[in-house]
Amino acid sequence: MKVTVEAPKFDADVKLTDFIKKKVGKLEHFYDKIIHTDVYLKLEPNERPNNKIVELLVSVPGDEFIVKKMAKSFEEATDVCVQSMERILLKRKEKIRSRVM
């Protein structure tokens, strides 16, 4: 699976991108047919502490899934996004299994 991390308005450091790639890479344990994953990092222009946004786009054969979460840090938002995406991928896997049987 190919993982692309984009931060259009700022430069994400190597530690952050490595963390994200490691977390997102674990999605393959839940659904092995993932083609590629795009991760977009955004900063909300406000003074609130929850201004870090992570958007996760996962492409699988015939479909794409998007999860968007906001948190105090990019790491925390990534964790929440990956957990949500795990549930989505497991539901898809079950749906496909139920069609086959």
PDB file of N, CA and C in Angstrom:
ATOM      1  N   MET A   1       0.843  -1.172   0.000  1.00  0.00           N
ATOM      2  CA  MET A   1       0.000   0.000   0.000  1.00  0.00           C
ATOM      3  C   MET A   1       0.888   1.235   0.000  1.00  0.00           C
ATOM      4  N   LYS A   2       0.520   2.188  -0.824  1.00  0.00           N
ATOM      5  CA  LYS A   2       1.250   3.443  -0.912  1.00  0.00           C
ATOM      6  C   LYS A   2       0.596   4.467   0.011  1.00  0.00           C
ATOM      7  N   VAL A   3       1.397   5.134   0.834  1.00  0.00           N
ATOM      8  CA  VAL A   3       0.891   6.159   1.758  1.00  0.00           C
ATOM      9  C   VAL A   3       1.531   7.488   1.385  1.00  0.00           C
ATOM     10  N   THR A   4       0.680   8.492   1.132  1.00  0.00           N
ATOM     11  CA  THR A   4       1.153   9.831   0.800  1.00  0.00           C
ATOM     12  C   THR A   4       0.698  10.787   1.890  1.00  0.00           C
ATOM     13  N   VAL A   5       1.639  11.570   2.427  1.00  0.00           N
ATOM     14  CA  VAL A   5       1.317  12.560   3.459  1.00  0.00           C
ATOM     15  C   VAL A   5       1.540  13.942   2.863  1.00  0.00           C
ATOM     16  N   GLU A   6       0.494  14.770   2.910  1.00  0.00           N
ATOM     17  CA  GLU A   6       0.594  16.124   2.368  1.00  0.00           C
ATOM     18  C   GLU A   6       0.215  17.145   3.439  1.00  0.00           C
ATOM     19  N   ALA A   7       1.019  18.186   3.521  1.00  0.00           N
ATOM     20  CA  ALA A   7       0.751  19.309   4.422  1.00  0.00           C
ATOM     21  C   ALA A   7       0.892  20.572   3.584  1.00  0.00           C
ATOM     22  N   PRO A   8      -0.204  21.017   2.931  1.00  0.00           N
ATOM     23  CA  PRO A   8      -0.106  22.092   1.947  1.00  0.00           C
ATOM     24  C   PRO A   8       0.358  23.450   2.465  1.00  0.00           C
ATOM     25  N   LYS A   9       0.039  23.803   3.698  1.00  0.00           N
ATOM     26  CA  LYS A   9       0.362  25.156   4.177  1.00  0.00           C
ATOM     27  C   LYS A   9       1.568  25.219   5.108  1.00  0.00           C
ATOM     28  N   PHE A  10       2.187  24.060   5.368  1.00  0.00           N
ATOM     29  CA  PHE A  10       3.365  24.045   6.241  1.00  0.00           C
ATOM     30  C   PHE A  10       4.185  22.803   5.925  1.00  0.00           C
ATOM     31  N   ASP A  11       5.387  22.737   6.475  1.00  0.00           N
ATOM     32  CA  ASP A  11       6.254  21.577   6.285  1.00  0.00           C
ATOM     33  C   ASP A  11       6.154  20.675   7.503  1.00  0.00           C
ATOM     34  N   ALA A  12       5.687  19.450   7.277  1.00  0.00           N
ATOM     35  CA  ALA A  12       5.609  18.465   8.361  1.00  0.00           C
ATOM     36  C   ALA A  12       6.995  17.846   8.533  1.00  0.00           C
ATOM     37  N   ASP A  13       7.417  17.683   9.787  1.00  0.00           N
ATOM     38  CA  ASP A  13       8.745  17.114  10.014  1.00  0.00           C
ATOM     39  C   ASP A  13       8.734  15.601   9.771  1.00  0.00           C
ATOM     40  N   VAL A  14       9.901  15.045   9.653  1.00  0.00           N
ATOM     41  CA  VAL A  14      10.078  13.634   9.301  1.00  0.00           C
ATOM     42  C   VAL A  14       9.489  12.719  10.368  1.00  0.00           C
ATOM     43  N   LYS A  15       9.642  13.080  11.648  1.00  0.00           N
ATOM     44  CA  LYS A  15       9.102  12.251  12.729  1.00  0.00           C
ATOM     45  C   LYS A  15       7.585  12.124  12.617  1.00  0.00           C
ATOM     46  N   LEU A  16       6.918  13.219  12.292  1.00  0.00           N
ATOM     47  CA  LEU A  16       5.467  13.209  12.159  1.00  0.00           C
ATOM     48  C   LEU A  16       5.040  12.347  10.970  1.00  0.00           C
ATOM     49  N   THR A  17       5.682  12.523   9.832  1.00  0.00           N
ATOM     50  CA  THR A  17       5.306  11.731   8.657  1.00  0.00           C
ATOM     51  C   THR A  17       5.595  10.248   8.869  1.00  0.00           C
ATOM     52  N   ASP A  18       6.686   9.930   9.540  1.00  0.00           N
ATOM     53  CA  ASP A  18       6.987   8.521   9.846  1.00  0.00           C
ATOM     54  C   ASP A  18       5.940   7.927  10.787  1.00  0.00           C
ATOM     55  N   PHE A  19       5.530   8.704  11.795  1.00  0.00           N
ATOM     56  CA  PHE A  19       4.490   8.260  12.723  1.00  0.00           C
ATOM     57  C   PHE A  19       3.193   7.969  11.969  1.00  0.00           C
ATOM     58  N   ILE A  20       2.808   8.887  11.099  1.00  0.00           N
ATOM     59  CA  ILE A  20       1.562   8.735  10.337  1.00  0.00           C
ATOM     60  C   ILE A  20       1.639   7.514   9.431  1.00  0.00           C
ATOM     61  N   LYS A  21       2.744   7.342   8.724  1.00  0.00           N
ATOM     62  CA  LYS A  21       2.884   6.197   7.818  1.00  0.00           C
ATOM     63  C   LYS A  21       2.836   4.875   8.581  1.00  0.00           C
ATOM     64  N   LYS A  22       3.429   4.849   9.766  1.00  0.00           N
ATOM     65  CA  LYS A  22       3.412   3.632  10.585  1.00  0.00           C
ATOM     66  C   LYS A  22       1.989   3.309  11.030  1.00  0.00           C
ATOM     67  N   LYS A  23       1.261   4.321  11.526  1.00  0.00           N
ATOM     68  CA  LYS A  23      -0.120   4.117  11.989  1.00  0.00           C
ATOM     69  C   LYS A  23      -1.038   3.704  10.839  1.00  0.00           C
ATOM     70  N   VAL A  24      -0.934   4.392   9.722  1.00  0.00           N
ATOM     71  CA  VAL A  24      -1.793   4.107   8.577  1.00  0.00           C
ATOM     72  C   VAL A  24      -1.456   2.744   7.975  1.00  0.00           C
ATOM     73  N   GLY A  25      -0.199   2.358   8.042  1.00  0.00           N
ATOM     74  CA  GLY A  25       0.224   1.057   7.526  1.00  0.00           C
ATOM     75  C   GLY A  25      -0.460  -0.107   8.226  1.00  0.00           C
ATOM     76  N   LYS A  26      -0.877   0.113   9.468  1.00  0.00           N
ATOM     77  CA  LYS A  26      -1.557  -0.948  10.221  1.00  0.00           C
ATOM     78  C   LYS A  26      -2.949  -1.247   9.675  1.00  0.00           C
ATOM     79  N   LEU A  27      -3.484  -0.383   8.839  1.00  0.00           N
ATOM     80  CA  LEU A  27      -4.807  -0.623   8.262  1.00  0.00           C
ATOM     81  C   LEU A  27      -4.826  -1.870   7.379  1.00  0.00           C
ATOM     82  N   GLU A  28      -3.665  -2.231   6.855  1.00  0.00           N
ATOM     83  CA  GLU A  28      -3.596  -3.431   6.007  1.00  0.00           C
ATOM     84  C   GLU A  28      -3.916  -4.704   6.779  1.00  0.00           C
ATOM     85  N   HIS A  29      -3.790  -4.676   8.095  1.00  0.00           N
ATOM     86  CA  HIS A  29      -4.152  -5.840   8.908  1.00  0.00           C
ATOM     87  C   HIS A  29      -5.667  -6.060   8.895  1.00  0.00           C
ATOM     88  N   PHE A  30      -6.418  -4.993   8.660  1.00  0.00           N
ATOM     89  CA  PHE A  30      -7.873  -5.072   8.698  1.00  0.00           C
ATOM     90  C   PHE A  30      -8.491  -5.286   7.317  1.00  0.00           C
ATOM     91  N   TYR A  31      -7.806  -4.806   6.283  1.00  0.00           N
ATOM     92  CA  TYR A  31      -8.311  -4.931   4.913  1.00  0.00           C
ATOM     93  C   TYR A  31      -7.101  -4.960   3.989  1.00  0.00           C
ATOM     94  N   ASP A  32      -6.852  -6.092   3.359  1.00  0.00           N
ATOM     95  CA  ASP A  32      -5.606  -6.273   2.608  1.00  0.00           C
ATOM     96  C   ASP A  32      -5.654  -5.779   1.163  1.00  0.00           C
ATOM     97  N   LYS A  33      -6.783  -5.264   0.709  1.00  0.00           N
ATOM     98  CA  LYS A  33      -6.893  -4.821  -0.676  1.00  0.00           C
ATOM     99  C   LYS A  33      -6.813  -3.297  -0.829  1.00  0.00           C
ATOM    100  N   ILE A  34      -6.199  -2.617   0.107  1.00  0.00           N
ATOM    101  CA  ILE A  34      -6.056  -1.163   0.033  1.00  0.00           C
ATOM    102  C   ILE A  34      -5.055  -0.827  -1.072  1.00  0.00           C
ATOM    103  N   ILE A  35      -5.468   0.060  -1.977  1.00  0.00           N
ATOM    104  CA  ILE A  35      -4.608   0.454  -3.095  1.00  0.00           C
ATOM    105  C   ILE A  35      -3.620   1.523  -2.637  1.00  0.00           C
ATOM    106  N   HIS A  36      -4.164   2.626  -2.138  1.00  0.00           N
ATOM    107  CA  HIS A  36      -3.305   3.688  -1.605  1.00  0.00           C
ATOM    108  C   HIS A  36      -4.075   4.510  -0.583  1.00  0.00           C
ATOM    109  N   THR A  37      -3.312   5.253   0.214  1.00  0.00           N
ATOM    110  CA  THR A  37      -3.881   6.102   1.258  1.00  0.00           C
ATOM    111  C   THR A  37      -3.253   7.483   1.169  1.00  0.00           C
ATOM    112  N   ASP A  38      -4.094   8.497   1.173  1.00  0.00           N
ATOM    113  CA  ASP A  38      -3.625   9.878   1.195  1.00  0.00           C
ATOM    114  C   ASP A  38      -3.983  10.485   2.543  1.00  0.00           C
ATOM    115  N   VAL A  39      -3.017  11.161   3.153  1.00  0.00           N
ATOM    116  CA  VAL A  39      -3.236  11.825   4.439  1.00  0.00           C
ATOM    117  C   VAL A  39      -2.961  13.304   4.239  1.00  0.00           C
ATOM    118  N   TYR A  40      -3.950  14.132   4.600  1.00  0.00           N
ATOM    119  CA  TYR A  40      -3.819  15.577   4.472  1.00  0.00           C
ATOM    120  C   TYR A  40      -3.787  16.191   5.871  1.00  0.00           C
ATOM    121  N   LEU A  41      -2.771  16.999   6.132  1.00  0.00           N
ATOM    122  CA  LEU A  41      -2.627  17.679   7.418  1.00  0.00           C
ATOM    123  C   LEU A  41      -2.967  19.150   7.221  1.00  0.00           C
ATOM    124  N   LYS A  42      -3.858  19.662   8.062  1.00  0.00           N
ATOM    125  CA  LYS A  42      -4.274  21.052   7.930  1.00  0.00           C
ATOM    126  C   LYS A  42      -4.273  21.719   9.298  1.00  0.00           C
ATOM    127  N   LEU A  43      -4.006  23.016   9.292  1.00  0.00           N
ATOM    128  CA  LEU A  43      -4.099  23.824  10.506  1.00  0.00           C
ATOM    129  C   LEU A  43      -5.284  24.760  10.373  1.00  0.00           C
ATOM    130  N   GLU A  44      -6.199  24.688  11.328  1.00  0.00           N
ATOM    131  CA  GLU A  44      -7.360  25.585  11.353  1.00  0.00           C
ATOM    132  C   GLU A  44      -6.882  26.943  11.850  1.00  0.00           C
ATOM    133  N   PRO A  45      -7.208  28.015  11.141  1.00  0.00           N
ATOM    134  CA  PRO A  45      -6.696  29.341  11.543  1.00  0.00           C
ATOM    135  C   PRO A  45      -7.492  29.964  12.691  1.00  0.00           C
ATOM    136  N   ASN A  46      -7.434  29.332  13.856  1.00  0.00           N
ATOM    137  CA  ASN A  46      -8.088  29.907  15.027  1.00  0.00           C
ATOM    138  C   ASN A  46      -7.192  29.729  16.242  1.00  0.00           C
ATOM    139  N   GLU A  47      -7.597  30.278  17.329  1.00  0.00           N
ATOM    140  CA  GLU A  47      -6.782  30.249  18.543  1.00  0.00           C
ATOM    141  C   GLU A  47      -7.110  29.076  19.465  1.00  0.00           C
ATOM    142  N   ARG A  48      -8.110  28.265  19.106  1.00  0.00           N
ATOM    143  CA  ARG A  48      -8.471  27.128  19.950  1.00  0.00           C
ATOM    144  C   ARG A  48      -7.349  26.089  19.920  1.00  0.00           C
ATOM    145  N   PRO A  49      -7.215  25.305  20.988  1.00  0.00           N
ATOM    146  CA  PRO A  49      -6.162  24.281  20.993  1.00  0.00           C
ATOM    147  C   PRO A  49      -6.447  23.142  20.013  1.00  0.00           C
ATOM    148  N   ASN A  50      -7.700  22.873  19.711  1.00  0.00           N
ATOM    149  CA  ASN A  50      -8.054  21.805  18.764  1.00  0.00           C
ATOM    150  C   ASN A  50      -8.067  22.356  17.346  1.00  0.00           C
ATOM    151  N   ASN A  51      -6.903  22.729  16.839  1.00  0.00           N
ATOM    152  CA  ASN A  51      -6.877  23.297  15.493  1.00  0.00           C
ATOM    153  C   ASN A  51      -6.086  22.458  14.495  1.00  0.00           C
ATOM    154  N   LYS A  52      -5.738  21.230  14.867  1.00  0.00           N
ATOM    155  CA  LYS A  52      -5.009  20.339  13.948  1.00  0.00           C
ATOM    156  C   LYS A  52      -6.018  19.381  13.304  1.00  0.00           C
ATOM    157  N   ILE A  53      -6.041  19.344  11.983  1.00  0.00           N
ATOM    158  CA  ILE A  53      -6.985  18.497  11.254  1.00  0.00           C
ATOM    159  C   ILE A  53      -6.215  17.456  10.453  1.00  0.00           C
ATOM    160  N   VAL A  54      -6.659  16.213  10.570  1.00  0.00           N
ATOM    161  CA  VAL A  54      -6.108  15.127   9.759  1.00  0.00           C
ATOM    162  C   VAL A  54      -7.254  14.553   8.940  1.00  0.00           C
ATOM    163  N   GLU A  55      -7.024  14.477   7.636  1.00  0.00           N
ATOM    164  CA  GLU A  55      -8.005  13.909   6.719  1.00  0.00           C
ATOM    165  C   GLU A  55      -7.369  12.677   6.093  1.00  0.00           C
ATOM    166  N   LEU A  56      -8.058  11.555   6.187  1.00  0.00           N
ATOM    167  CA  LEU A  56      -7.540  10.270   5.725  1.00  0.00           C
ATOM    168  C   LEU A  56      -8.421   9.772   4.587  1.00  0.00           C
ATOM    169  N   LEU A  57      -7.829   9.574   3.409  1.00  0.00           N
ATOM    170  CA  LEU A  57      -8.556   9.072   2.252  1.00  0.00           C
ATOM    171  C   LEU A  57      -7.961   7.721   1.865  1.00  0.00           C
ATOM    172  N   VAL A  58      -8.769   6.681   1.942  1.00  0.00           N
ATOM    173  CA  VAL A  58      -8.307   5.325   1.642  1.00  0.00           C
ATOM    174  C   VAL A  58      -9.007   4.838   0.383  1.00  0.00           C
ATOM    175  N   SER A  59      -8.225   4.414  -0.602  1.00  0.00           N
ATOM    176  CA  SER A  59      -8.770   3.881  -1.852  1.00  0.00           C
ATOM    177  C   SER A  59      -8.677   2.366  -1.847  1.00  0.00           C
ATOM    178  N   VAL A  60      -9.840   1.731  -2.071  1.00  0.00           N
ATOM    179  CA  VAL A  60      -9.918   0.284  -2.208  1.00  0.00           C
ATOM    180  C   VAL A  60     -10.569   0.008  -3.560  1.00  0.00           C
ATOM    181  N   PRO A  61     -10.461  -1.194  -4.083  1.00  0.00           N
ATOM    182  CA  PRO A  61     -11.067  -1.467  -5.387  1.00  0.00           C
ATOM    183  C   PRO A  61     -12.563  -1.129  -5.394  1.00  0.00           C
ATOM    184  N   GLY A  62     -12.934  -0.186  -6.254  1.00  0.00           N
ATOM    185  CA  GLY A  62     -14.332   0.179  -6.408  1.00  0.00           C
ATOM    186  C   GLY A  62     -14.866   1.214  -5.447  1.00  0.00           C
ATOM    187  N   ASP A  63     -14.054   1.738  -4.536  1.00  0.00           N
ATOM    188  CA  ASP A  63     -14.575   2.688  -3.556  1.00  0.00           C
ATOM    189  C   ASP A  63     -13.458   3.507  -2.922  1.00  0.00           C
ATOM    190  N   GLU A  64     -13.842   4.609  -2.284  1.00  0.00           N
ATOM    191  CA  GLU A  64     -12.925   5.430  -1.498  1.00  0.00           C
ATOM    192  C   GLU A  64     -13.630   5.802  -0.197  1.00  0.00           C
ATOM    193  N   PHE A  65     -12.875   5.831   0.880  1.00  0.00           N
ATOM    194  CA  PHE A  65     -13.413   6.195   2.186  1.00  0.00           C
ATOM    195  C   PHE A  65     -12.635   7.387   2.714  1.00  0.00           C
ATOM    196  N   ILE A  66     -13.360   8.336   3.311  1.00  0.00           N
ATOM    197  CA  ILE A  66     -12.732   9.540   3.860  1.00  0.00           C
ATOM    198  C   ILE A  66     -13.119   9.683   5.325  1.00  0.00           C
ATOM    199  N   VAL A  67     -12.122   9.969   6.159  1.00  0.00           N
ATOM    200  CA  VAL A  67     -12.350  10.266   7.568  1.00  0.00           C
ATOM    201  C   VAL A  67     -11.603  11.563   7.868  1.00  0.00           C
ATOM    202  N   LYS A  68     -12.279  12.469   8.578  1.00  0.00           N
ATOM    203  CA  LYS A  68     -11.675  13.760   8.920  1.00  0.00           C
ATOM    204  C   LYS A  68     -11.871  13.990  10.410  1.00  0.00           C
ATOM    205  N   LYS A  69     -10.768  14.244  11.120  1.00  0.00           N
ATOM    206  CA  LYS A  69     -10.829  14.451  12.570  1.00  0.00           C
ATOM    207  C   LYS A  69      -9.994  15.662  12.964  1.00  0.00           C
ATOM    208  N   MET A  70     -10.419  16.306  14.055  1.00  0.00           N
ATOM    209  CA  MET A  70      -9.723  17.478  14.590  1.00  0.00           C
ATOM    210  C   MET A  70      -9.306  17.181  16.026  1.00  0.00           C
ATOM    211  N   ALA A  71      -8.086  17.584  16.398  1.00  0.00           N
ATOM    212  CA  ALA A  71      -7.590  17.327  17.749  1.00  0.00           C
ATOM    213  C   ALA A  71      -6.533  18.369  18.124  1.00  0.00           C
ATOM    214  N   LYS A  72      -5.964  18.185  19.320  1.00  0.00           N
ATOM    215  CA  LYS A  72      -4.928  19.099  19.815  1.00  0.00           C
ATOM    216  C   LYS A  72      -3.593  18.890  19.106  1.00  0.00           C
ATOM    217  N   SER A  73      -3.346  17.648  18.650  1.00  0.00           N
ATOM    218  CA  SER A  73      -2.097  17.358  17.950  1.00  0.00           C
ATOM    219  C   SER A  73      -2.388  16.492  16.733  1.00  0.00           C
ATOM    220  N   PHE A  74      -1.476  16.507  15.787  1.00  0.00           N
ATOM    221  CA  PHE A  74      -1.643  15.687  14.592  1.00  0.00           C
ATOM    222  C   PHE A  74      -1.592  14.200  14.941  1.00  0.00           C
ATOM    223  N   GLU A  75      -0.776  13.856  15.933  1.00  0.00           N
ATOM    224  CA  GLU A  75      -0.680  12.453  16.345  1.00  0.00           C
ATOM    225  C   GLU A  75      -2.009  11.954  16.896  1.00  0.00           C
ATOM    226  N   GLU A  76      -2.620  12.758  17.755  1.00  0.00           N
ATOM    227  CA  GLU A  76      -3.909  12.378  18.342  1.00  0.00           C
ATOM    228  C   GLU A  76      -4.992  12.264  17.261  1.00  0.00           C
ATOM    229  N   ALA A  77      -5.028  13.217  16.343  1.00  0.00           N
ATOM    230  CA  ALA A  77      -6.012  13.185  15.256  1.00  0.00           C
ATOM    231  C   ALA A  77      -5.771  11.982  14.343  1.00  0.00           C
ATOM    232  N   THR A  78      -4.515  11.631  14.124  1.00  0.00           N
ATOM    233  CA  THR A  78      -4.187  10.461  13.303  1.00  0.00           C
ATOM    234  C   THR A  78      -4.685   9.190  13.967  1.00  0.00           C
ATOM    235  N   ASP A  79      -4.464   9.066  15.274  1.00  0.00           N
ATOM    236  CA  ASP A  79      -4.944   7.888  16.008  1.00  0.00           C
ATOM    237  C   ASP A  79      -6.455   7.718  15.854  1.00  0.00           C
ATOM    238  N   VAL A  80      -7.190   8.815  16.032  1.00  0.00           N
ATOM    239  CA  VAL A  80      -8.649   8.757  15.948  1.00  0.00           C
ATOM    240  C   VAL A  80      -9.092   8.423  14.527  1.00  0.00           C
ATOM    241  N   CYS A  81      -8.433   9.011  13.532  1.00  0.00           N
ATOM    242  CA  CYS A  81      -8.754   8.715  12.129  1.00  0.00           C
ATOM    243  C   CYS A  81      -8.527   7.246  11.804  1.00  0.00           C
ATOM    244  N   VAL A  82      -7.404   6.712  12.240  1.00  0.00           N
ATOM    245  CA  VAL A  82      -7.082   5.310  11.948  1.00  0.00           C
ATOM    246  C   VAL A  82      -8.093   4.388  12.627  1.00  0.00           C
ATOM    247  N   GLN A  83      -8.478   4.693  13.862  1.00  0.00           N
ATOM    248  CA  GLN A  83      -9.485   3.870  14.553  1.00  0.00           C
ATOM    249  C   GLN A  83     -10.816   3.890  13.806  1.00  0.00           C
ATOM    250  N   SER A  84     -11.226   5.064  13.342  1.00  0.00           N
ATOM    251  CA  SER A  84     -12.480   5.170  12.586  1.00  0.00           C
ATOM    252  C   SER A  84     -12.391   4.405  11.268  1.00  0.00           C
ATOM    253  N   MET A  85     -11.253   4.529  10.609  1.00  0.00           N
ATOM    254  CA  MET A  85     -11.076   3.842   9.331  1.00  0.00           C
ATOM    255  C   MET A  85     -11.040   2.329   9.524  1.00  0.00           C
ATOM    256  N   GLU A  86     -10.480   1.866  10.637  1.00  0.00           N
ATOM    257  CA  GLU A  86     -10.486   0.421  10.928  1.00  0.00           C
ATOM    258  C   GLU A  86     -11.924  -0.097  10.959  1.00  0.00           C
ATOM    259  N   ARG A  87     -12.807   0.628  11.639  1.00  0.00           N
ATOM    260  CA  ARG A  87     -14.211   0.210  11.722  1.00  0.00           C
ATOM    261  C   ARG A  87     -14.865   0.199  10.337  1.00  0.00           C
ATOM    262  N   ILE A  88     -14.593   1.212   9.537  1.00  0.00           N
ATOM    263  CA  ILE A  88     -15.166   1.291   8.188  1.00  0.00           C
ATOM    264  C   ILE A  88     -14.694   0.113   7.334  1.00  0.00           C
ATOM    265  N   LEU A  89     -13.390  -0.176   7.396  1.00  0.00           N
ATOM    266  CA  LEU A  89     -12.840  -1.270   6.585  1.00  0.00           C
ATOM    267  C   LEU A  89     -13.363  -2.630   7.044  1.00  0.00           C
ATOM    268  N   LEU A  90     -13.521  -2.808   8.352  1.00  0.00           N
ATOM    269  CA  LEU A  90     -14.076  -4.069   8.854  1.00  0.00           C
ATOM    270  C   LEU A  90     -15.525  -4.249   8.406  1.00  0.00           C
ATOM    271  N   LYS A  91     -16.302  -3.153   8.405  1.00  0.00           N
ATOM    272  CA  LYS A  91     -17.682  -3.227   7.927  1.00  0.00           C
ATOM    273  C   LYS A  91     -17.714  -3.615   6.456  1.00  0.00           C
ATOM    274  N   ARG A  92     -16.820  -3.033   5.657  1.00  0.00           N
ATOM    275  CA  ARG A  92     -16.775  -3.357   4.227  1.00  0.00           C
ATOM    276  C   ARG A  92     -16.404  -4.816   4.027  1.00  0.00           C
ATOM    277  N   LYS A  93     -15.440  -5.285   4.793  1.00  0.00           N
ATOM    278  CA  LYS A  93     -15.006  -6.674   4.688  1.00  0.00           C
ATOM    279  C   LYS A  93     -16.166  -7.624   5.014  1.00  0.00           C
ATOM    280  N   GLU A  94     -16.922  -7.318   6.067  1.00  0.00           N
ATOM    281  CA  GLU A  94     -18.076  -8.135   6.439  1.00  0.00           C
ATOM    282  C   GLU A  94     -19.151  -8.096   5.358  1.00  0.00           C
ATOM    283  N   LYS A  95     -19.360  -6.931   4.771  1.00  0.00           N
ATOM    284  CA  LYS A  95     -20.360  -6.778   3.718  1.00  0.00           C
ATOM    285  C   LYS A  95     -19.991  -7.648   2.508  1.00  0.00           C
ATOM    286  N   ILE A  96     -18.725  -7.632   2.145  1.00  0.00           N
ATOM    287  CA  ILE A  96     -18.253  -8.443   1.015  1.00  0.00           C
ATOM    288  C   ILE A  96     -18.394  -9.915   1.338  1.00  0.00           C
ATOM    289  N   ARG A  97     -18.047 -10.316   2.545  1.00  0.00           N
ATOM    290  CA  ARG A  97     -18.168 -11.726   2.958  1.00  0.00           C
ATOM    291  C   ARG A  97     -19.624 -12.187   2.904  1.00  0.00           C
ATOM    292  N   SER A  98     -20.541 -11.327   3.354  1.00  0.00           N
ATOM    293  CA  SER A  98     -21.948 -11.714   3.375  1.00  0.00           C
ATOM    294  C   SER A  98     -22.512 -11.865   1.962  1.00  0.00           C
ATOM    295  N   ARG A  99     -21.984 -11.115   1.000  1.00  0.00           N
ATOM    296  CA  ARG A  99     -22.415 -11.256  -0.393  1.00  0.00           C
ATOM    297  C   ARG A  99     -21.952 -12.570  -0.999  1.00  0.00           C
ATOM    298  N   VAL A 100     -20.743 -12.992  -0.636  1.00  0.00           N
ATOM    299  CA  VAL A 100     -20.143 -14.200  -1.196  1.00  0.00           C
ATOM    300  C   VAL A 100     -20.885 -15.437  -0.704  1.00  0.00           C
ATOM    301  N   MET A 101     -21.298 -15.450   0.555  1.00  0.00           N
ATOM    302  CA  MET A 101     -21.934 -16.646   1.140  1.00  0.00           C
ATOM    303  C   MET A 101     -23.356 -16.784   0.747  1.00  0.00           C
TER     304      MET A 101
END
